[in-house]
Amino acid sequence: MKLFLPVLSLLLVACQSTSSATPEEKFVDVYISKGDKQCHFGGISLAKAKGYLLEENISVSQASCAVITGMAYPSVCGGATGNIYLFTIDAAKLNAAKAIGFIPAAALTTKKLGYQVQKCQKVINNKNM
């Protein structure tokens, strides 16, 4: 019993993390609308949207296409699609990304919405291919 408490104390100290931030806290997902409309396709390309971030010296570790879920979009030509581009960036650059129009993906959950990653379609001459 005399050894139990010191050994337990050593184990607890050894298990403590020395890092104040987990890898998940170092990165954040942000999104921007693709800008396409029903029946009209188009919008901006993934590369162009990524370029907006790179122009502001915001590194992108991952980029993907997605669609906002949990919201109904009426079927009407010219109506919204919910298509977005999703980027993983350094959390320290979040305010800079917000300043140029990107929105934290976590904001979707506060609105009881979400997103689903999907295969990207090419945008050629403002038309999806």
N, C-alpha and C. Protein backbone atom coordinates (compact mmCIF):
# COMPACT_ATOMS: atom_id res chain seq x y z
N MET A 1 0.83 -1.19 0.00
CA MET A 1 0.00 0.00 0.00
C MET A 1 0.87 1.25 0.00
N LYS A 2 2.04 1.18 0.65
CA LYS A 2 2.92 2.34 0.70
C LYS A 2 3.42 2.70 -0.70
N LEU A 3 3.61 1.73 -1.57
CA LEU A 3 4.08 1.98 -2.92
C LEU A 3 2.94 2.38 -3.86
N PHE A 4 1.75 2.02 -3.52
CA PHE A 4 0.60 2.26 -4.41
C PHE A 4 0.40 3.74 -4.71
N LEU A 5 0.38 4.57 -3.68
CA LEU A 5 0.14 6.01 -3.88
C LEU A 5 1.25 6.68 -4.68
N PRO A 6 2.52 6.46 -4.40
CA PRO A 6 3.57 7.09 -5.22
C PRO A 6 3.54 6.62 -6.68
N VAL A 7 3.30 5.33 -6.89
CA VAL A 7 3.26 4.80 -8.25
C VAL A 7 2.06 5.39 -8.99
N LEU A 8 0.92 5.46 -8.34
CA LEU A 8 -0.27 6.04 -8.94
C LEU A 8 -0.04 7.51 -9.30
N SER A 9 0.62 8.23 -8.42
CA SER A 9 0.92 9.64 -8.68
C SER A 9 1.84 9.79 -9.89
N LEU A 10 2.83 8.94 -10.00
CA LEU A 10 3.74 8.99 -11.14
C LEU A 10 3.00 8.68 -12.44
N LEU A 11 2.12 7.71 -12.41
CA LEU A 11 1.35 7.36 -13.60
C LEU A 11 0.46 8.50 -14.05
N LEU A 12 -0.17 9.15 -13.10
CA LEU A 12 -1.05 10.27 -13.44
C LEU A 12 -0.27 11.44 -14.03
N VAL A 13 0.89 11.72 -13.48
CA VAL A 13 1.73 12.80 -14.00
C VAL A 13 2.24 12.45 -15.39
N ALA A 14 2.61 11.20 -15.61
CA ALA A 14 3.13 10.77 -16.90
C ALA A 14 2.07 10.83 -17.99
N CYS A 15 0.82 10.68 -17.63
CA CYS A 15 -0.26 10.68 -18.61
C CYS A 15 -0.74 12.07 -18.99
N GLN A 16 -0.30 13.09 -18.27
CA GLN A 16 -0.73 14.44 -18.58
C GLN A 16 -0.09 14.89 -19.88
N SER A 17 -0.85 15.59 -20.71
CA SER A 17 -0.36 16.10 -21.99
C SER A 17 0.41 17.38 -21.76
N THR A 18 1.51 17.54 -22.49
CA THR A 18 2.28 18.78 -22.39
C THR A 18 1.81 19.81 -23.40
N SER A 19 1.03 19.38 -24.40
CA SER A 19 0.55 20.29 -25.42
C SER A 19 -0.76 20.92 -24.98
N SER A 20 -0.91 22.23 -25.22
CA SER A 20 -2.13 22.92 -24.82
C SER A 20 -3.21 22.84 -25.89
N ALA A 21 -2.84 22.47 -27.12
CA ALA A 21 -3.82 22.39 -28.21
C ALA A 21 -3.73 21.04 -28.90
N THR A 22 -4.88 20.46 -29.14
CA THR A 22 -4.90 19.21 -29.87
C THR A 22 -4.80 19.52 -31.35
N PRO A 23 -4.44 18.52 -32.17
CA PRO A 23 -4.35 18.78 -33.61
C PRO A 23 -5.67 19.30 -34.19
N GLU A 24 -6.80 18.88 -33.63
CA GLU A 24 -8.09 19.33 -34.12
C GLU A 24 -8.30 20.83 -33.87
N GLU A 25 -7.71 21.35 -32.79
CA GLU A 25 -7.87 22.76 -32.46
C GLU A 25 -6.96 23.65 -33.31
N LYS A 26 -5.96 23.07 -33.96
CA LYS A 26 -5.03 23.85 -34.75
C LYS A 26 -5.59 24.14 -36.14
N PHE A 27 -6.61 23.40 -36.54
CA PHE A 27 -7.21 23.57 -37.85
C PHE A 27 -8.71 23.78 -37.72
N VAL A 28 -9.27 24.47 -38.68
CA VAL A 28 -10.70 24.74 -38.67
C VAL A 28 -11.21 24.62 -40.11
N ASP A 29 -12.44 24.17 -40.27
CA ASP A 29 -13.06 24.10 -41.58
C ASP A 29 -13.86 25.36 -41.83
N VAL A 30 -13.70 25.93 -43.01
CA VAL A 30 -14.47 27.09 -43.44
C VAL A 30 -15.09 26.77 -44.79
N TYR A 31 -16.16 27.49 -45.12
CA TYR A 31 -16.78 27.25 -46.42
C TYR A 31 -17.18 28.56 -47.07
N ILE A 32 -17.42 28.45 -48.37
CA ILE A 32 -17.93 29.56 -49.16
C ILE A 32 -18.87 28.96 -50.20
N SER A 33 -19.89 29.71 -50.55
CA SER A 33 -20.85 29.23 -51.53
C SER A 33 -20.18 29.06 -52.89
N LYS A 34 -20.58 28.03 -53.60
CA LYS A 34 -20.09 27.84 -54.97
C LYS A 34 -20.65 28.92 -55.88
N GLY A 35 -21.82 29.44 -55.55
CA GLY A 35 -22.41 30.52 -56.33
C GLY A 35 -23.19 30.06 -57.55
N ASP A 36 -23.44 28.75 -57.65
CA ASP A 36 -24.21 28.27 -58.79
C ASP A 36 -25.70 28.36 -58.50
N LYS A 37 -26.49 28.33 -59.53
CA LYS A 37 -27.95 28.41 -59.42
C LYS A 37 -28.57 27.22 -60.15
N GLN A 38 -29.74 26.82 -59.71
CA GLN A 38 -30.44 25.74 -60.39
C GLN A 38 -30.71 26.13 -61.84
N CYS A 39 -30.54 25.20 -62.74
CA CYS A 39 -30.74 25.35 -64.19
C CYS A 39 -29.67 26.20 -64.86
N HIS A 40 -28.85 26.91 -64.09
CA HIS A 40 -27.86 27.80 -64.69
C HIS A 40 -26.44 27.33 -64.45
N PHE A 41 -26.26 26.39 -63.53
CA PHE A 41 -24.95 25.83 -63.21
C PHE A 41 -23.97 26.95 -62.89
N GLY A 42 -22.78 26.86 -63.44
CA GLY A 42 -21.78 27.90 -63.26
C GLY A 42 -21.26 28.03 -61.85
N GLY A 43 -21.12 29.24 -61.42
CA GLY A 43 -20.50 29.52 -60.14
C GLY A 43 -18.99 29.59 -60.30
N ILE A 44 -18.30 29.64 -59.19
CA ILE A 44 -16.84 29.70 -59.24
C ILE A 44 -16.27 28.29 -59.10
N SER A 45 -15.04 28.12 -59.52
CA SER A 45 -14.38 26.82 -59.43
C SER A 45 -13.76 26.65 -58.04
N LEU A 46 -13.46 25.42 -57.71
CA LEU A 46 -12.78 25.11 -56.45
C LEU A 46 -11.42 25.81 -56.42
N ALA A 47 -10.71 25.80 -57.53
CA ALA A 47 -9.39 26.44 -57.60
C ALA A 47 -9.49 27.95 -57.35
N LYS A 48 -10.52 28.58 -57.90
CA LYS A 48 -10.69 30.03 -57.70
C LYS A 48 -11.00 30.33 -56.24
N ALA A 49 -11.88 29.54 -55.64
CA ALA A 49 -12.22 29.75 -54.23
C ALA A 49 -10.99 29.55 -53.34
N LYS A 50 -10.20 28.52 -53.65
CA LYS A 50 -8.96 28.29 -52.90
C LYS A 50 -8.00 29.46 -53.08
N GLY A 51 -7.99 30.02 -54.29
CA GLY A 51 -7.13 31.16 -54.58
C GLY A 51 -7.44 32.37 -53.72
N TYR A 52 -8.72 32.56 -53.37
CA TYR A 52 -9.08 33.67 -52.48
C TYR A 52 -8.33 33.56 -51.16
N LEU A 53 -8.24 32.34 -50.64
CA LEU A 53 -7.53 32.11 -49.37
C LEU A 53 -6.02 32.30 -49.55
N LEU A 54 -5.49 31.72 -50.62
CA LEU A 54 -4.05 31.80 -50.84
C LEU A 54 -3.59 33.24 -51.05
N GLU A 55 -4.42 34.08 -51.69
CA GLU A 55 -4.08 35.49 -51.89
C GLU A 55 -3.92 36.23 -50.56
N GLU A 56 -4.57 35.74 -49.53
CA GLU A 56 -4.48 36.35 -48.19
C GLU A 56 -3.48 35.61 -47.30
N ASN A 57 -2.62 34.81 -47.92
CA ASN A 57 -1.61 34.02 -47.20
C ASN A 57 -2.22 33.06 -46.19
N ILE A 58 -3.35 32.48 -46.56
CA ILE A 58 -4.01 31.48 -45.72
C ILE A 58 -3.78 30.12 -46.38
N SER A 59 -2.95 29.29 -45.76
CA SER A 59 -2.66 27.97 -46.29
C SER A 59 -3.87 27.07 -46.19
N VAL A 60 -4.05 26.22 -47.18
CA VAL A 60 -5.16 25.28 -47.23
C VAL A 60 -4.60 23.87 -47.13
N SER A 61 -4.99 23.14 -46.10
CA SER A 61 -4.48 21.77 -45.95
C SER A 61 -5.40 20.75 -46.62
N GLN A 62 -6.65 21.11 -46.84
CA GLN A 62 -7.58 20.21 -47.51
C GLN A 62 -8.69 21.05 -48.15
N ALA A 63 -9.12 20.65 -49.35
CA ALA A 63 -10.19 21.33 -50.06
C ALA A 63 -11.14 20.29 -50.63
N SER A 64 -12.44 20.55 -50.53
CA SER A 64 -13.42 19.61 -51.07
C SER A 64 -14.71 20.32 -51.41
N CYS A 65 -15.52 19.64 -52.18
CA CYS A 65 -16.86 20.12 -52.52
C CYS A 65 -17.84 19.51 -51.54
N ALA A 66 -18.89 20.25 -51.25
CA ALA A 66 -19.89 19.75 -50.30
C ALA A 66 -21.23 20.42 -50.60
N VAL A 67 -22.25 19.94 -49.94
CA VAL A 67 -23.58 20.53 -50.04
C VAL A 67 -24.13 20.69 -48.63
N ILE A 68 -24.79 21.81 -48.37
CA ILE A 68 -25.40 22.04 -47.07
C ILE A 68 -26.60 21.11 -46.92
N THR A 69 -26.69 20.45 -45.78
CA THR A 69 -27.79 19.53 -45.50
C THR A 69 -28.69 20.11 -44.42
N GLY A 70 -29.92 19.61 -44.38
CA GLY A 70 -30.85 20.06 -43.35
C GLY A 70 -31.67 21.26 -43.76
N MET A 71 -31.54 21.66 -45.02
CA MET A 71 -32.28 22.81 -45.52
C MET A 71 -32.92 22.41 -46.85
N ALA A 72 -34.17 22.78 -47.03
CA ALA A 72 -34.86 22.47 -48.28
C ALA A 72 -34.64 23.60 -49.28
N TYR A 73 -34.37 23.21 -50.52
CA TYR A 73 -34.20 24.18 -51.60
C TYR A 73 -35.31 23.95 -52.62
N PRO A 74 -36.24 24.89 -52.75
CA PRO A 74 -37.33 24.70 -53.72
C PRO A 74 -36.77 24.53 -55.13
N SER A 75 -37.36 23.63 -55.89
CA SER A 75 -36.93 23.40 -57.27
C SER A 75 -37.45 24.51 -58.16
N VAL A 76 -36.59 25.45 -58.46
CA VAL A 76 -36.96 26.58 -59.32
C VAL A 76 -35.70 27.08 -60.01
N CYS A 77 -35.79 27.27 -61.31
CA CYS A 77 -34.63 27.79 -62.04
C CYS A 77 -34.20 29.12 -61.45
N GLY A 78 -32.90 29.22 -61.21
CA GLY A 78 -32.36 30.43 -60.61
C GLY A 78 -32.30 30.37 -59.09
N GLY A 79 -32.85 29.29 -58.52
CA GLY A 79 -32.84 29.14 -57.06
C GLY A 79 -31.50 28.63 -56.55
N ALA A 80 -31.32 28.75 -55.27
CA ALA A 80 -30.08 28.31 -54.61
C ALA A 80 -29.94 26.80 -54.67
N THR A 81 -28.69 26.32 -54.60
CA THR A 81 -28.41 24.88 -54.64
C THR A 81 -27.88 24.34 -53.32
N GLY A 82 -27.28 25.17 -52.51
CA GLY A 82 -26.65 24.68 -51.28
C GLY A 82 -25.26 24.13 -51.51
N ASN A 83 -24.74 24.24 -52.74
CA ASN A 83 -23.38 23.75 -53.03
C ASN A 83 -22.35 24.71 -52.44
N ILE A 84 -21.37 24.14 -51.76
CA ILE A 84 -20.32 24.93 -51.13
C ILE A 84 -18.96 24.30 -51.38
N TYR A 85 -17.93 25.09 -51.14
CA TYR A 85 -16.56 24.59 -51.12
C TYR A 85 -16.10 24.64 -49.67
N LEU A 86 -15.49 23.56 -49.24
CA LEU A 86 -15.05 23.40 -47.85
C LEU A 86 -13.53 23.35 -47.81
N PHE A 87 -12.94 24.14 -46.92
CA PHE A 87 -11.48 24.21 -46.81
C PHE A 87 -11.07 24.04 -45.35
N THR A 88 -9.99 23.30 -45.14
CA THR A 88 -9.40 23.18 -43.82
C THR A 88 -8.20 24.11 -43.78
N ILE A 89 -8.22 25.04 -42.81
CA ILE A 89 -7.17 26.05 -42.70
C ILE A 89 -6.64 26.09 -41.27
N ASP A 90 -5.54 26.80 -41.09
CA ASP A 90 -4.97 27.03 -39.76
C ASP A 90 -5.96 27.86 -38.95
N ALA A 91 -6.29 27.41 -37.76
CA ALA A 91 -7.26 28.11 -36.91
C ALA A 91 -6.84 29.54 -36.61
N ALA A 92 -5.55 29.81 -36.60
CA ALA A 92 -5.07 31.17 -36.34
C ALA A 92 -5.44 32.13 -37.47
N LYS A 93 -5.79 31.61 -38.63
CA LYS A 93 -6.14 32.44 -39.79
C LYS A 93 -7.66 32.56 -39.98
N LEU A 94 -8.44 32.10 -39.01
CA LEU A 94 -9.89 32.11 -39.15
C LEU A 94 -10.44 33.52 -39.37
N ASN A 95 -10.01 34.48 -38.59
CA ASN A 95 -10.53 35.85 -38.75
C ASN A 95 -10.20 36.43 -40.12
N ALA A 96 -9.02 36.12 -40.63
CA ALA A 96 -8.65 36.60 -41.97
C ALA A 96 -9.55 35.97 -43.02
N ALA A 97 -9.88 34.70 -42.86
CA ALA A 97 -10.78 34.02 -43.81
C ALA A 97 -12.18 34.60 -43.71
N LYS A 98 -12.64 34.87 -42.50
CA LYS A 98 -13.97 35.47 -42.33
C LYS A 98 -14.03 36.85 -42.97
N ALA A 99 -12.95 37.59 -42.91
CA ALA A 99 -12.91 38.94 -43.47
C ALA A 99 -13.09 38.94 -44.98
N ILE A 100 -12.79 37.82 -45.65
CA ILE A 100 -12.96 37.77 -47.11
C ILE A 100 -14.17 36.92 -47.52
N GLY A 101 -15.05 36.66 -46.55
CA GLY A 101 -16.32 36.03 -46.89
C GLY A 101 -16.48 34.56 -46.59
N PHE A 102 -15.47 33.93 -46.00
CA PHE A 102 -15.59 32.52 -45.64
C PHE A 102 -16.29 32.41 -44.30
N ILE A 103 -17.01 31.31 -44.12
CA ILE A 103 -17.81 31.10 -42.91
C ILE A 103 -17.32 29.83 -42.22
N PRO A 104 -17.15 29.84 -40.89
CA PRO A 104 -16.75 28.62 -40.20
C PRO A 104 -17.82 27.53 -40.40
N ALA A 105 -17.40 26.34 -40.76
CA ALA A 105 -18.35 25.24 -40.97
C ALA A 105 -19.11 24.92 -39.69
N ALA A 106 -18.50 25.17 -38.55
CA ALA A 106 -19.17 24.93 -37.27
C ALA A 106 -20.42 25.78 -37.11
N ALA A 107 -20.50 26.90 -37.82
CA ALA A 107 -21.68 27.76 -37.74
C ALA A 107 -22.92 27.05 -38.28
N LEU A 108 -22.73 26.08 -39.16
CA LEU A 108 -23.88 25.34 -39.68
C LEU A 108 -24.59 24.55 -38.58
N THR A 109 -23.82 24.00 -37.66
CA THR A 109 -24.44 23.19 -36.60
C THR A 109 -25.24 24.05 -35.63
N THR A 110 -24.87 25.31 -35.47
CA THR A 110 -25.65 26.18 -34.59
C THR A 110 -27.00 26.51 -35.20
N LYS A 111 -27.10 26.34 -36.51
CA LYS A 111 -28.37 26.56 -37.21
C LYS A 111 -29.10 25.23 -37.45
N LYS A 112 -28.61 24.16 -36.79
CA LYS A 112 -29.15 22.80 -36.95
C LYS A 112 -29.05 22.32 -38.40
N LEU A 113 -27.98 22.74 -39.06
CA LEU A 113 -27.68 22.30 -40.41
C LEU A 113 -26.39 21.51 -40.40
N GLY A 114 -25.99 21.05 -41.53
CA GLY A 114 -24.74 20.32 -41.65
C GLY A 114 -24.26 20.40 -43.08
N TYR A 115 -23.31 19.53 -43.42
CA TYR A 115 -22.85 19.45 -44.80
C TYR A 115 -22.43 18.03 -45.11
N GLN A 116 -22.46 17.71 -46.38
CA GLN A 116 -22.03 16.40 -46.84
C GLN A 116 -21.03 16.61 -47.97
N VAL A 117 -19.84 16.04 -47.80
CA VAL A 117 -18.82 16.14 -48.83
C VAL A 117 -19.27 15.31 -50.02
N GLN A 118 -19.02 15.84 -51.22
CA GLN A 118 -19.41 15.14 -52.43
C GLN A 118 -18.33 15.31 -53.49
N LYS A 119 -18.43 14.52 -54.55
CA LYS A 119 -17.48 14.61 -55.64
C LYS A 119 -17.63 15.96 -56.34
N CYS A 120 -16.50 16.59 -56.64
CA CYS A 120 -16.52 17.88 -57.33
C CYS A 120 -16.81 17.69 -58.81
N GLN A 121 -17.57 18.62 -59.35
CA GLN A 121 -17.80 18.66 -60.79
C GLN A 121 -16.96 19.80 -61.35
N LYS A 122 -16.44 19.59 -62.55
CA LYS A 122 -15.64 20.64 -63.18
C LYS A 122 -16.54 21.78 -63.62
N VAL A 123 -16.03 23.00 -63.48
CA VAL A 123 -16.75 24.17 -63.98
C VAL A 123 -15.97 24.67 -65.20
N ILE A 124 -16.58 24.59 -66.36
CA ILE A 124 -15.94 25.04 -67.61
C ILE A 124 -16.86 26.06 -68.25
N ASN A 125 -16.34 27.26 -68.47
CA ASN A 125 -17.14 28.35 -69.06
C ASN A 125 -18.46 28.54 -68.33
N ASN A 126 -18.38 28.56 -66.99
CA ASN A 126 -19.54 28.76 -66.13
C ASN A 126 -20.62 27.67 -66.29
N LYS A 127 -20.22 26.48 -66.69
CA LYS A 127 -21.16 25.37 -66.77
C LYS A 127 -20.51 24.16 -66.10
N ASN A 128 -21.32 23.41 -65.36
CA ASN A 128 -20.81 22.19 -64.72
C ASN A 128 -20.66 21.10 -65.77
N MET A 129 -19.56 20.39 -65.69
CA MET A 129 -19.31 19.28 -66.60
C MET A 129 -19.04 18.03 -65.80
